[in-house]
N, C-alpha and C. Protein backbone atom coordinates (compact mmCIF):
# COMPACT_ATOMS: atom_id res chain seq x y z
N MET A 1 4.07 -27.42 0.33
CA MET A 1 3.07 -26.53 -0.24
C MET A 1 3.59 -25.60 -1.41
N GLU A 2 3.03 -25.86 -2.57
CA GLU A 2 3.49 -24.80 -3.50
C GLU A 2 2.65 -23.56 -3.84
N LEU A 3 3.41 -22.69 -3.95
CA LEU A 3 2.90 -21.02 -3.98
C LEU A 3 3.30 -20.44 -4.84
N GLU A 4 2.71 -19.39 -5.62
CA GLU A 4 2.96 -18.66 -6.66
C GLU A 4 2.98 -16.96 -6.32
N ILE A 5 3.83 -16.53 -6.99
CA ILE A 5 4.33 -15.23 -6.90
C ILE A 5 2.75 -14.51 -6.94
N GLY A 6 2.39 -13.47 -6.26
CA GLY A 6 1.24 -12.71 -6.07
C GLY A 6 -0.04 -13.62 -5.54
N GLU A 7 0.14 -14.88 -5.04
CA GLU A 7 -0.72 -15.66 -4.55
C GLU A 7 -1.42 -14.87 -3.44
N GLU A 8 -2.50 -15.15 -3.02
CA GLU A 8 -3.10 -14.59 -1.77
C GLU A 8 -3.06 -15.45 -0.64
N VAL A 9 -2.55 -15.07 0.65
CA VAL A 9 -2.23 -16.03 1.64
C VAL A 9 -2.45 -15.48 3.15
N ASP A 10 -2.76 -16.43 4.16
CA ASP A 10 -3.11 -16.02 5.34
C ASP A 10 -1.55 -15.64 6.24
N LEU A 11 -1.91 -14.77 6.77
CA LEU A 11 -0.48 -14.37 7.58
C LEU A 11 -0.71 -14.57 9.14
N VAL A 12 0.29 -14.76 9.85
CA VAL A 12 -0.03 -14.62 11.45
C VAL A 12 1.46 -13.99 11.80
N ILE A 13 1.19 -12.54 12.16
CA ILE A 13 2.42 -11.79 12.53
C ILE A 13 3.13 -12.38 13.34
N GLY A 14 4.21 -12.42 13.58
CA GLY A 14 5.68 -12.78 14.54
C GLY A 14 6.30 -11.91 14.94
N ARG A 15 7.45 -12.13 15.33
CA ARG A 15 8.23 -11.19 15.95
C ARG A 15 8.70 -10.29 15.09
N PHE A 16 8.94 -8.68 15.78
CA PHE A 16 9.61 -7.66 14.82
C PHE A 16 10.95 -7.62 14.73
N THR A 17 11.63 -7.39 13.82
CA THR A 17 13.12 -7.30 13.84
C THR A 17 13.65 -6.10 13.01
N ASN A 18 14.76 -5.86 12.85
CA ASN A 18 15.46 -4.54 12.37
C ASN A 18 15.08 -4.44 10.94
N VAL A 19 14.82 -5.51 10.22
CA VAL A 19 14.51 -5.58 8.84
C VAL A 19 12.92 -5.70 8.38
N GLY A 20 12.31 -5.96 9.53
CA GLY A 20 10.78 -6.22 9.31
C GLY A 20 10.30 -6.94 10.43
N ILE A 21 9.15 -7.83 9.79
CA ILE A 21 8.20 -8.74 10.63
C ILE A 21 8.48 -10.29 10.07
N SER A 22 8.80 -10.95 11.02
CA SER A 22 8.41 -12.64 10.68
C SER A 22 7.10 -12.93 10.82
N VAL A 23 6.96 -13.77 9.60
CA VAL A 23 5.27 -13.97 9.88
C VAL A 23 5.32 -15.63 9.49
N LEU A 24 4.25 -15.99 9.70
CA LEU A 24 3.76 -17.38 9.50
C LEU A 24 2.99 -17.54 8.44
N VAL A 25 3.27 -18.08 7.37
CA VAL A 25 2.40 -18.12 5.76
C VAL A 25 1.65 -19.30 5.75
N ASN A 26 0.56 -19.30 5.83
CA ASN A 26 -0.65 -20.27 5.66
C ASN A 26 -0.44 -21.45 6.74
N ASP A 27 -0.07 -21.07 8.22
CA ASP A 27 0.14 -21.74 8.90
C ASP A 27 1.29 -22.96 9.06
N GLU A 28 2.20 -22.53 8.13
CA GLU A 28 3.26 -23.57 7.92
C GLU A 28 4.65 -23.17 7.26
N LEU A 29 4.57 -21.79 6.71
CA LEU A 29 6.05 -21.71 6.19
C LEU A 29 6.54 -20.21 6.99
N GLU A 30 7.93 -20.17 6.48
CA GLU A 30 8.29 -19.03 7.35
C GLU A 30 8.46 -17.72 6.02
N GLY A 31 8.00 -16.62 6.51
CA GLY A 31 7.88 -15.36 5.79
C GLY A 31 8.26 -14.20 6.17
N MET A 32 9.00 -13.19 5.40
CA MET A 32 9.15 -11.84 5.88
C MET A 32 8.38 -11.01 5.48
N LEU A 33 8.13 -9.91 6.17
CA LEU A 33 7.27 -8.54 5.81
C LEU A 33 8.28 -7.47 6.19
N TYR A 34 8.69 -7.11 5.06
CA TYR A 34 9.84 -5.86 5.08
C TYR A 34 9.01 -4.70 5.72
N LYS A 35 10.01 -3.92 6.51
CA LYS A 35 9.43 -2.84 7.14
C LYS A 35 8.88 -1.24 6.35
N ASN A 36 9.79 -1.67 5.15
CA ASN A 36 9.10 -0.40 4.10
C ASN A 36 8.23 -0.84 3.32
N GLU A 37 7.62 -1.41 3.68
CA GLU A 37 6.22 -2.26 2.96
C GLU A 37 5.23 -2.06 3.88
N ILE A 38 5.11 -1.67 5.28
CA ILE A 38 4.08 -1.96 5.83
C ILE A 38 3.61 -0.19 5.93
N PHE A 39 2.05 -0.47 5.50
CA PHE A 39 1.49 1.02 5.87
C PHE A 39 0.33 0.88 6.72
N GLN A 40 0.26 -0.14 7.44
CA GLN A 40 -0.71 -0.06 8.61
C GLN A 40 -0.24 -0.65 9.80
N ARG A 41 -1.00 -0.26 10.67
CA ARG A 41 -0.42 -1.14 12.37
C ARG A 41 -0.86 -2.55 12.15
N VAL A 42 0.23 -3.30 12.82
CA VAL A 42 -0.28 -4.60 13.03
C VAL A 42 0.57 -5.21 14.31
N ARG A 43 0.08 -6.19 15.07
CA ARG A 43 0.50 -6.65 16.23
C ARG A 43 0.89 -7.97 16.30
N GLU A 44 1.95 -8.39 16.76
CA GLU A 44 2.17 -9.78 17.06
C GLU A 44 1.16 -10.52 17.40
N GLY A 45 0.55 -11.82 16.69
CA GLY A 45 -0.29 -12.84 16.84
C GLY A 45 -1.35 -12.63 15.96
N GLN A 46 -1.54 -11.25 15.23
CA GLN A 46 -2.62 -10.68 14.55
C GLN A 46 -2.36 -11.95 13.29
N LYS A 47 -3.69 -12.15 12.62
CA LYS A 47 -4.03 -12.41 11.63
C LYS A 47 -4.46 -11.80 10.39
N ILE A 48 -3.76 -12.07 9.36
CA ILE A 48 -3.93 -10.72 8.07
C ILE A 48 -3.92 -11.32 6.99
N THR A 49 -4.48 -11.08 5.64
CA THR A 49 -4.26 -11.34 4.48
C THR A 49 -3.02 -10.75 4.00
N GLY A 50 -2.14 -11.61 3.21
CA GLY A 50 -1.00 -10.89 2.69
C GLY A 50 -0.84 -11.81 1.05
N PHE A 51 0.14 -11.29 0.53
CA PHE A 51 0.42 -11.73 -1.03
C PHE A 51 1.74 -12.13 -0.96
N VAL A 52 2.17 -13.09 -1.76
CA VAL A 52 3.55 -13.73 -1.94
C VAL A 52 4.09 -12.97 -3.07
N LYS A 53 4.94 -12.10 -2.35
CA LYS A 53 6.05 -11.12 -3.15
C LYS A 53 7.21 -11.99 -4.09
N PHE A 54 8.00 -12.94 -3.46
CA PHE A 54 9.02 -13.66 -3.81
C PHE A 54 9.31 -14.71 -3.09
N ILE A 55 9.97 -15.88 -3.50
CA ILE A 55 9.92 -17.20 -2.64
C ILE A 55 11.52 -17.29 -2.85
N ARG A 56 12.28 -17.43 -1.99
CA ARG A 56 13.71 -17.32 -1.68
C ARG A 56 14.20 -18.68 -1.93
N GLU A 57 15.69 -18.86 -2.41
CA GLU A 57 16.20 -19.86 -2.68
C GLU A 57 15.90 -20.97 -1.17
N ASP A 58 16.31 -20.30 0.03
CA ASP A 58 16.19 -21.04 1.28
C ASP A 58 14.99 -21.27 1.93
N GLY A 59 13.96 -21.32 0.76
CA GLY A 59 12.56 -22.06 1.26
C GLY A 59 11.57 -20.74 2.05
N LYS A 60 12.24 -19.75 2.42
CA LYS A 60 11.37 -18.42 3.18
C LYS A 60 10.74 -17.38 2.11
N ILE A 61 9.77 -17.04 2.51
CA ILE A 61 9.13 -16.34 1.51
C ILE A 61 8.43 -14.75 1.76
N ASP A 62 9.01 -13.92 0.94
CA ASP A 62 8.96 -12.61 1.10
C ASP A 62 7.25 -12.32 0.78
N VAL A 63 6.65 -11.68 1.72
CA VAL A 63 5.21 -11.12 1.49
C VAL A 63 5.11 -9.77 1.61
N SER A 64 3.79 -9.24 1.17
CA SER A 64 3.67 -8.09 1.12
C SER A 64 1.96 -7.93 1.65
N LEU A 65 1.65 -6.79 2.29
CA LEU A 65 0.24 -6.64 2.42
C LEU A 65 -0.51 -5.90 1.46
N GLN A 66 0.06 -5.89 0.12
CA GLN A 66 -0.71 -5.15 -0.91
C GLN A 66 -0.58 -6.38 -2.27
N PRO A 67 -1.35 -5.99 -2.85
CA PRO A 67 -1.20 -6.71 -4.32
C PRO A 67 0.32 -6.60 -4.90
N ASN A 68 0.70 -7.71 -5.60
CA ASN A 68 1.86 -7.21 -6.41
C ASN A 68 1.32 -6.46 -7.77
N GLY A 69 2.37 -5.67 -8.03
CA GLY A 69 2.09 -4.86 -9.55
C GLY A 69 1.44 -3.98 -9.29
N PHE A 70 2.09 -3.00 -10.40
CA PHE A 70 1.09 -1.72 -10.32
C PHE A 70 -0.37 -1.49 -10.77
N LEU A 71 -0.59 -2.46 -11.54
CA LEU A 71 -2.23 -2.50 -11.96
C LEU A 71 -3.00 -2.59 -10.88
N ASN A 72 -2.36 -3.61 -9.94
CA ASN A 72 -3.12 -4.17 -8.92
C ASN A 72 -3.52 -2.99 -7.96
N LYS A 73 -2.47 -2.22 -7.29
CA LYS A 73 -2.46 -1.36 -6.55
C LYS A 73 -2.97 0.01 -7.03
N ILE A 74 -2.78 0.47 -8.52
CA ILE A 74 -2.89 1.77 -8.58
C ILE A 74 -4.77 2.02 -8.26
N GLY A 75 -5.60 1.06 -8.87
CA GLY A 75 -7.04 1.11 -8.69
C GLY A 75 -7.16 1.29 -7.06
N GLU A 76 -6.80 0.72 -6.36
CA GLU A 76 -7.36 0.65 -5.02
C GLU A 76 -6.79 2.20 -4.46
N ASN A 77 -5.19 2.43 -4.57
CA ASN A 77 -4.66 3.65 -4.00
C ASN A 77 -5.62 5.10 -4.58
N GLU A 78 -5.74 4.86 -6.09
CA GLU A 78 -6.83 6.10 -6.48
C GLU A 78 -8.08 5.89 -5.95
N THR A 79 -8.50 4.85 -5.73
CA THR A 79 -9.64 5.17 -4.82
C THR A 79 -10.08 5.50 -3.53
N ILE A 80 -8.81 5.27 -2.88
CA ILE A 80 -8.21 5.84 -1.13
C ILE A 80 -8.21 7.69 -1.54
N ILE A 81 -7.68 7.81 -2.41
CA ILE A 81 -7.21 9.29 -2.77
C ILE A 81 -8.73 10.06 -3.04
N LEU A 82 -9.68 9.46 -3.94
CA LEU A 82 -10.76 10.05 -4.06
C LEU A 82 -11.88 10.21 -3.10
N GLU A 83 -11.77 9.02 -2.29
CA GLU A 83 -12.86 9.04 -1.12
C GLU A 83 -12.36 9.97 -0.26
N LYS A 84 -11.14 10.02 -0.13
CA LYS A 84 -10.42 11.18 1.09
C LYS A 84 -11.04 12.75 0.49
N LEU A 85 -10.73 12.66 -0.81
CA LEU A 85 -11.14 14.32 -1.43
C LEU A 85 -12.63 14.53 -1.32
N LYS A 86 -13.72 13.60 -1.53
CA LYS A 86 -14.89 13.54 -1.42
C LYS A 86 -15.49 13.72 0.11
N SER A 87 -14.72 13.43 0.81
CA SER A 87 -14.84 13.23 2.24
C SER A 87 -14.64 14.96 2.71
N LEU A 88 -13.75 15.63 2.12
CA LEU A 88 -13.45 17.05 2.46
C LEU A 88 -14.31 18.00 1.77
N ASP A 89 -14.87 18.83 2.99
CA ASP A 89 -15.69 19.99 2.18
C ASP A 89 -14.53 21.11 1.09
N GLY A 90 -15.16 21.01 0.10
CA GLY A 90 -14.47 21.51 -0.88
C GLY A 90 -13.61 20.98 -1.87
N GLY A 91 -13.39 19.24 -1.60
CA GLY A 91 -12.83 18.58 -2.26
C GLY A 91 -11.55 18.87 -2.48
N PHE A 92 -10.45 19.49 -1.43
CA PHE A 92 -9.30 19.89 -1.36
C PHE A 92 -8.46 19.04 -0.30
N ILE A 93 -7.11 18.71 -0.66
CA ILE A 93 -6.07 18.43 0.21
C ILE A 93 -4.87 18.69 0.06
N GLY A 94 -4.05 19.10 1.15
CA GLY A 94 -2.92 19.76 0.56
C GLY A 94 -1.72 19.01 0.87
N PHE A 95 -1.82 17.88 -0.58
CA PHE A 95 -0.79 16.89 -0.82
C PHE A 95 -0.91 16.95 -2.02
N ASN A 96 0.60 16.69 -2.67
CA ASN A 96 0.94 16.74 -4.04
C ASN A 96 2.27 15.94 -4.26
N ASP A 97 2.69 15.95 -5.48
CA ASP A 97 3.99 15.00 -5.71
C ASP A 97 4.99 15.64 -5.18
N LYS A 98 5.15 16.61 -4.54
CA LYS A 98 6.16 17.31 -3.90
C LYS A 98 6.12 16.99 -2.21
N SER A 99 5.03 16.24 -1.75
CA SER A 99 4.75 16.17 -0.18
C SER A 99 5.84 15.13 0.23
N ASN A 100 6.20 15.35 1.71
CA ASN A 100 6.91 14.56 2.29
C ASN A 100 6.46 12.90 2.10
N PRO A 101 7.29 11.92 2.06
CA PRO A 101 6.90 10.70 1.99
C PRO A 101 6.33 10.11 3.22
N GLU A 102 7.10 10.44 4.38
CA GLU A 102 6.43 10.00 5.77
C GLU A 102 4.92 10.61 6.03
N ASP A 103 4.72 11.81 5.50
CA ASP A 103 3.23 12.30 5.87
C ASP A 103 2.33 11.72 4.65
N ILE A 104 2.94 11.06 3.44
CA ILE A 104 1.96 10.57 2.93
C ILE A 104 1.43 9.35 3.41
N LYS A 105 2.99 8.38 3.88
CA LYS A 105 2.56 7.10 4.21
C LYS A 105 1.58 7.25 5.77
N TYR A 106 1.75 8.16 6.41
CA TYR A 106 0.84 8.39 7.61
C TYR A 106 -0.60 8.49 7.24
N HIS A 107 -0.82 9.71 6.70
CA HIS A 107 -2.17 10.05 6.16
C HIS A 107 -3.00 8.95 4.78
N PHE A 108 -2.26 8.40 4.07
CA PHE A 108 -2.77 7.67 2.96
C PHE A 108 -2.53 6.02 3.05
N LYS A 109 -1.46 5.60 3.92
CA LYS A 109 -1.08 4.44 4.22
C LYS A 109 -0.53 3.88 3.00
N MET A 110 0.16 4.83 2.22
CA MET A 110 1.16 3.87 0.84
C MET A 110 2.12 4.88 0.85
N SER A 111 2.87 4.28 -0.13
CA SER A 111 4.32 4.71 -0.36
C SER A 111 4.23 5.96 -1.21
N LYS A 112 5.10 6.95 -1.36
CA LYS A 112 5.26 8.06 -1.89
C LYS A 112 5.31 7.92 -3.40
N LYS A 113 5.82 6.81 -4.12
CA LYS A 113 5.60 6.16 -5.32
C LYS A 113 4.39 5.92 -5.72
N SER A 114 3.68 5.13 -4.85
CA SER A 114 2.14 4.74 -5.20
C SER A 114 1.24 5.88 -4.99
N PHE A 115 1.49 6.70 -4.44
CA PHE A 115 0.98 7.71 -4.30
C PHE A 115 0.83 9.09 -5.68
N LYS A 116 1.69 9.09 -5.83
CA LYS A 116 2.32 9.73 -7.14
C LYS A 116 1.66 9.16 -8.55
N SER A 117 2.05 7.79 -8.38
CA SER A 117 1.12 6.98 -9.51
C SER A 117 -0.22 6.88 -9.58
N ALA A 118 -1.23 7.20 -8.33
CA ALA A 118 -2.37 7.02 -8.06
C ALA A 118 -3.15 8.57 -8.73
N ILE A 119 -2.09 9.66 -8.16
CA ILE A 119 -2.75 11.06 -8.46
C ILE A 119 -2.50 11.11 -9.93
N GLY A 120 -1.51 10.94 -10.37
CA GLY A 120 -1.04 10.65 -11.99
C GLY A 120 -2.28 10.38 -13.06
N GLY A 121 -2.79 9.11 -12.08
CA GLY A 121 -3.71 8.51 -12.89
C GLY A 121 -4.89 9.20 -12.99
N LEU A 122 -5.32 9.63 -11.76
CA LEU A 122 -6.43 10.51 -11.49
C LEU A 122 -6.46 11.52 -12.05
N TYR A 123 -5.13 12.26 -12.36
CA TYR A 123 -5.06 13.56 -13.31
C TYR A 123 -5.29 13.16 -14.73
N ARG A 124 -4.85 12.43 -15.42
CA ARG A 124 -4.88 11.69 -16.63
C ARG A 124 -6.47 11.48 -17.03
N ALA A 125 -7.26 11.03 -15.94
CA ALA A 125 -8.68 10.87 -16.19
C ALA A 125 -9.51 11.92 -15.96
N LYS A 126 -8.99 13.06 -15.45
CA LYS A 126 -9.38 14.52 -15.43
C LYS A 126 -10.27 14.47 -14.14
N LEU A 127 -10.18 13.51 -13.40
CA LEU A 127 -10.73 13.83 -11.68
C LEU A 127 -10.19 14.78 -10.91
N ILE A 128 -9.12 14.76 -10.97
CA ILE A 128 -8.25 15.71 -9.94
C ILE A 128 -7.30 16.70 -10.73
N LEU A 129 -7.35 18.04 -10.43
CA LEU A 129 -6.27 18.81 -10.39
C LEU A 129 -5.05 18.92 -9.68
N ILE A 130 -3.83 19.20 -9.91
CA ILE A 130 -2.62 18.75 -9.03
C ILE A 130 -2.25 20.61 -9.26
N THR A 131 -2.05 21.20 -8.18
CA THR A 131 -1.57 22.46 -7.99
C THR A 131 -0.36 22.72 -6.97
N GLU A 132 0.26 23.75 -6.89
CA GLU A 132 1.38 23.63 -5.87
C GLU A 132 0.90 23.45 -4.51
N LYS A 133 -0.14 23.49 -4.18
CA LYS A 133 -0.61 23.70 -2.59
C LYS A 133 -1.56 22.45 -2.49
N GLY A 134 -1.57 21.58 -3.48
CA GLY A 134 -2.40 20.23 -3.13
C GLY A 134 -3.06 19.81 -4.40
N ILE A 135 -3.77 18.76 -4.05
CA ILE A 135 -5.00 18.44 -5.14
C ILE A 135 -6.12 18.58 -4.76
N GLU A 136 -7.29 18.70 -5.99
CA GLU A 136 -8.40 19.05 -5.95
C GLU A 136 -9.24 18.07 -6.98
N LEU A 137 -10.35 18.02 -6.32
CA LEU A 137 -11.54 17.33 -7.43
C LEU A 137 -12.01 18.43 -8.42
N THR A 138 -12.00 17.81 -9.81
CA THR A 138 -12.34 18.60 -10.96
C THR A 138 -14.06 18.62 -10.89
N ASN A 139 -14.79 19.56 -11.58
CA ASN A 139 -16.15 19.25 -11.51
C ASN A 139 -16.66 18.14 -12.46
N GLN A 140 -15.88 17.11 -12.78
CA GLN A 140 -16.32 16.06 -13.39
C GLN A 140 -16.75 15.01 -12.50
N GLU A 141 -16.28 15.19 -11.39
CA GLU A 141 -16.59 14.05 -10.31
C GLU A 141 -17.75 14.02 -9.58
């Protein structure tokens, strides 16, 4: 089976290890989903969509639950943040680029790096303001 980096694949969640979760890729190949890249709850036996991140020399495949690359992730992450802001009365949330990485992971299901990139893009598009206390929607939204 020929796979390419970035390709969407079907995963079956396997056993949990100290580095991540072993997965079955497209019902026939072994893969690894590293725990520092998991931003949602998964359980053994669960079928889920993933993406090929790297193909190792030993034939095993490193996978991710998010599409590879900045351009694929930022649009999705910006949308998540905007929807969260729109759902709140006043369009304000007490998170900014100085917030705790674990809090960001818990509330937004993304890494702090992805969060900072997303709010940076929203700020450049003049959709949000970033303050010491958090982020808020501008009147343009």
